[in-house]
Amino acid sequence: MLAEIYSSGVLGVDAYLVEVEVDVIRTTGDQVRFNVVGLGDMAVQESRERVRSAIKNSGFSFPMARLTVNLAPADVRKEGPAFDLPIALGILVATAQVAAPKLEEYLVAGELALDG
């Protein structure tokens, strides 16, 4: 399943649109992975652990699946933890745990604590 969430990044003093695409492929055993691609810095890569903990500690199920998160455009460096919330929301939408009928009308950004 695929979910698309809009967020933004900052380059100098200018903001730019970032499309957060989350693809969830159900799998078992050793094929379970969580990859974030799209030129993210260390804080973006660390979001995997914050997102996993926040989803579980908020009462939702973290999927046993192969997760691929793409931050587009891929040629622009993404910095900071503000992509935590759109990544988590994308996972919840892609796994049908949360309904978001008009999600394309919003821009989502925010850091997550481990308790969600």
C-alpha atoms as a PDB file:
ATOM      1  CA  MET A   1       0.000   0.000   0.000  1.00  0.00           C
ATOM      2  CA  LEU A   2       1.140   3.534  -0.702  1.00  0.00           C
ATOM      3  CA  ALA A   3       0.524   6.819   1.093  1.00  0.00           C
ATOM      4  CA  GLU A   4       1.595  10.312   0.052  1.00  0.00           C
ATOM      5  CA  ILE A   5       1.961  13.130   2.572  1.00  0.00           C
ATOM      6  CA  TYR A   6       3.118  16.682   1.866  1.00  0.00           C
ATOM      7  CA  SER A   7       5.688  18.329   4.104  1.00  0.00           C
ATOM      8  CA  SER A   8       8.312  21.008   3.702  1.00  0.00           C
ATOM      9  CA  GLY A   9      11.982  21.601   4.175  1.00  0.00           C
ATOM     10  CA  VAL A  10      14.013  24.765   4.547  1.00  0.00           C
ATOM     11  CA  LEU A  11      16.890  25.772   2.311  1.00  0.00           C
ATOM     12  CA  GLY A  12      18.462  28.919   3.729  1.00  0.00           C
ATOM     13  CA  VAL A  13      15.433  31.141   4.388  1.00  0.00           C
ATOM     14  CA  ASP A  14      13.270  29.550   1.680  1.00  0.00           C
ATOM     15  CA  ALA A  15      10.808  26.718   2.226  1.00  0.00           C
ATOM     16  CA  TYR A  16      10.289  24.022  -0.387  1.00  0.00           C
ATOM     17  CA  LEU A  17       7.691  21.282  -0.794  1.00  0.00           C
ATOM     18  CA  VAL A  18       8.687  17.733   0.158  1.00  0.00           C
ATOM     19  CA  GLU A  19       6.532  14.784  -0.843  1.00  0.00           C
ATOM     20  CA  VAL A  20       6.780  11.973   1.706  1.00  0.00           C
ATOM     21  CA  GLU A  21       5.866   8.706   0.004  1.00  0.00           C
ATOM     22  CA  VAL A  22       5.446   5.620   2.161  1.00  0.00           C
ATOM     23  CA  ASP A  23       5.278   2.165   0.583  1.00  0.00           C
ATOM     24  CA  VAL A  24       4.386  -0.821   2.759  1.00  0.00           C
ATOM     25  CA  ILE A  25       4.932  -4.344   1.465  1.00  0.00           C
ATOM     26  CA  ARG A  26       3.782  -7.091   3.814  1.00  0.00           C
ATOM     27  CA  THR A  27       6.467  -9.675   4.409  1.00  0.00           C
ATOM     28  CA  THR A  28       7.734 -12.087   7.021  1.00  0.00           C
ATOM     29  CA  GLY A  29      10.914 -12.885   8.875  1.00  0.00           C
ATOM     30  CA  ASP A  30      14.214 -11.585   7.571  1.00  0.00           C
ATOM     31  CA  GLN A  31      12.638  -9.354   4.904  1.00  0.00           C
ATOM     32  CA  VAL A  32      11.341  -6.822   7.471  1.00  0.00           C
ATOM     33  CA  ARG A  33      13.059  -3.476   6.786  1.00  0.00           C
ATOM     34  CA  PHE A  34      12.536   0.246   7.278  1.00  0.00           C
ATOM     35  CA  ASN A  35      14.434   2.391   4.757  1.00  0.00           C
ATOM     36  CA  VAL A  36      14.350   6.161   4.371  1.00  0.00           C
ATOM     37  CA  VAL A  37      15.675   7.439   1.028  1.00  0.00           C
ATOM     38  CA  GLY A  38      15.899  10.868  -0.528  1.00  0.00           C
ATOM     39  CA  LEU A  39      19.094  12.521   0.750  1.00  0.00           C
ATOM     40  CA  GLY A  40      18.186  12.822   4.431  1.00  0.00           C
ATOM     41  CA  ASP A  41      20.719  13.833   7.079  1.00  0.00           C
ATOM     42  CA  MET A  42      21.421  11.855  10.269  1.00  0.00           C
ATOM     43  CA  ALA A  43      18.368  13.291  12.083  1.00  0.00           C
ATOM     44  CA  VAL A  44      16.153  12.112   9.206  1.00  0.00           C
ATOM     45  CA  GLN A  45      17.748   8.638   9.300  1.00  0.00           C
ATOM     46  CA  GLU A  46      17.256   8.487  13.089  1.00  0.00           C
ATOM     47  CA  SER A  47      13.555   9.198  12.590  1.00  0.00           C
ATOM     48  CA  ARG A  48      13.081   5.466  11.953  1.00  0.00           C
ATOM     49  CA  GLU A  49      13.532   4.726  15.655  1.00  0.00           C
ATOM     50  CA  ARG A  50      11.457   7.693  16.861  1.00  0.00           C
ATOM     51  CA  VAL A  51       8.629   6.807  14.462  1.00  0.00           C
ATOM     52  CA  ARG A  52       8.654   3.115  15.396  1.00  0.00           C
ATOM     53  CA  SER A  53       8.481   3.895  19.132  1.00  0.00           C
ATOM     54  CA  ALA A  54       5.897   6.674  18.735  1.00  0.00           C
ATOM     55  CA  ILE A  55       3.566   4.449  16.701  1.00  0.00           C
ATOM     56  CA  LYS A  56       3.789   1.564  19.188  1.00  0.00           C
ATOM     57  CA  ASN A  57       3.475   3.797  22.264  1.00  0.00           C
ATOM     58  CA  SER A  58       0.432   5.555  20.807  1.00  0.00           C
ATOM     59  CA  GLY A  59      -1.522   2.307  20.696  1.00  0.00           C
ATOM     60  CA  PHE A  60      -1.082   1.537  16.988  1.00  0.00           C
ATOM     61  CA  SER A  61       0.635  -1.453  15.409  1.00  0.00           C
ATOM     62  CA  PHE A  62       3.971  -1.020  13.713  1.00  0.00           C
ATOM     63  CA  PRO A  63       3.788  -3.210  10.604  1.00  0.00           C
ATOM     64  CA  MET A  64       5.967  -6.257  10.146  1.00  0.00           C
ATOM     65  CA  ALA A  65       6.714  -5.270   6.577  1.00  0.00           C
ATOM     66  CA  ARG A  66       9.236  -3.845   4.193  1.00  0.00           C
ATOM     67  CA  LEU A  67       8.784  -0.079   4.539  1.00  0.00           C
ATOM     68  CA  THR A  68      10.260   2.342   2.057  1.00  0.00           C
ATOM     69  CA  VAL A  69       9.955   6.064   2.726  1.00  0.00           C
ATOM     70  CA  ASN A  70      10.918   8.367  -0.125  1.00  0.00           C
ATOM     71  CA  LEU A  71      11.513  12.070   0.512  1.00  0.00           C
ATOM     72  CA  ALA A  72      11.156  13.845  -2.826  1.00  0.00           C
ATOM     73  CA  PRO A  73      12.755  15.737  -4.451  1.00  0.00           C
ATOM     74  CA  ALA A  74      15.678  13.364  -4.033  1.00  0.00           C
ATOM     75  CA  ASP A  75      18.315  15.860  -5.142  1.00  0.00           C
ATOM     76  CA  VAL A  76      17.762  18.314  -2.248  1.00  0.00           C
ATOM     77  CA  ARG A  77      19.248  17.606   1.210  1.00  0.00           C
ATOM     78  CA  LYS A  78      16.607  17.107   3.951  1.00  0.00           C
ATOM     79  CA  GLU A  79      17.594  18.131   7.469  1.00  0.00           C
ATOM     80  CA  GLY A  80      16.144  17.783  10.946  1.00  0.00           C
ATOM     81  CA  PRO A  81      13.443  15.800  12.720  1.00  0.00           C
ATOM     82  CA  ALA A  82      10.439  17.617  11.196  1.00  0.00           C
ATOM     83  CA  PHE A  83       9.783  14.643   8.902  1.00  0.00           C
ATOM     84  CA  ASP A  84       8.937  12.326  11.849  1.00  0.00           C
ATOM     85  CA  LEU A  85       5.234  13.170  11.854  1.00  0.00           C
ATOM     86  CA  PRO A  86       4.628  12.871   8.094  1.00  0.00           C
ATOM     87  CA  ILE A  87       6.505   9.557   8.035  1.00  0.00           C
ATOM     88  CA  ALA A  88       4.462   8.176  10.945  1.00  0.00           C
ATOM     89  CA  LEU A  89       1.203   9.435   9.447  1.00  0.00           C
ATOM     90  CA  GLY A  90       2.137   7.904   6.097  1.00  0.00           C
ATOM     91  CA  ILE A  91       2.736   4.519   7.735  1.00  0.00           C
ATOM     92  CA  LEU A  92      -0.593   4.682   9.576  1.00  0.00           C
ATOM     93  CA  VAL A  93      -2.478   5.693   6.406  1.00  0.00           C
ATOM     94  CA  ALA A  94      -0.733   3.076   4.233  1.00  0.00           C
ATOM     95  CA  THR A  95      -1.598   0.338   6.735  1.00  0.00           C
ATOM     96  CA  ALA A  96      -5.224   1.556   7.010  1.00  0.00           C
ATOM     97  CA  GLN A  97      -4.934   2.265  10.743  1.00  0.00           C
ATOM     98  CA  VAL A  98      -5.901   5.911  10.195  1.00  0.00           C
ATOM     99  CA  ALA A  99      -8.275   7.341   7.608  1.00  0.00           C
ATOM    100  CA  ALA A 100      -7.229  10.644   6.065  1.00  0.00           C
ATOM    101  CA  PRO A 101      -9.671  11.458   3.256  1.00  0.00           C
ATOM    102  CA  LYS A 102      -8.387  14.962   2.418  1.00  0.00           C
ATOM    103  CA  LEU A 103      -4.728  14.538   3.310  1.00  0.00           C
ATOM    104  CA  GLU A 104      -3.531  16.135   0.069  1.00  0.00           C
ATOM    105  CA  GLU A 105      -4.925  19.467   1.285  1.00  0.00           C
ATOM    106  CA  TYR A 106      -2.508  19.653   4.243  1.00  0.00           C
ATOM    107  CA  LEU A 107       1.193  20.160   4.827  1.00  0.00           C
ATOM    108  CA  VAL A 108       2.410  18.045   7.772  1.00  0.00           C
ATOM    109  CA  ALA A 109       5.610  18.631   9.752  1.00  0.00           C
ATOM    110  CA  GLY A 110       6.712  17.804  13.274  1.00  0.00           C
ATOM    111  CA  GLU A 111       9.101  15.944  15.522  1.00  0.00           C
ATOM    112  CA  LEU A 112       7.826  12.993  17.532  1.00  0.00           C
ATOM    113  CA  ALA A 113       8.737  11.991  21.050  1.00  0.00           C
ATOM    114  CA  LEU A 114       9.073   8.300  21.828  1.00  0.00           C
ATOM    115  CA  ASP A 115       5.665   8.317  23.520  1.00  0.00           C
ATOM    116  CA  GLY A 116       4.007   9.677  20.388  1.00  0.00           C
END
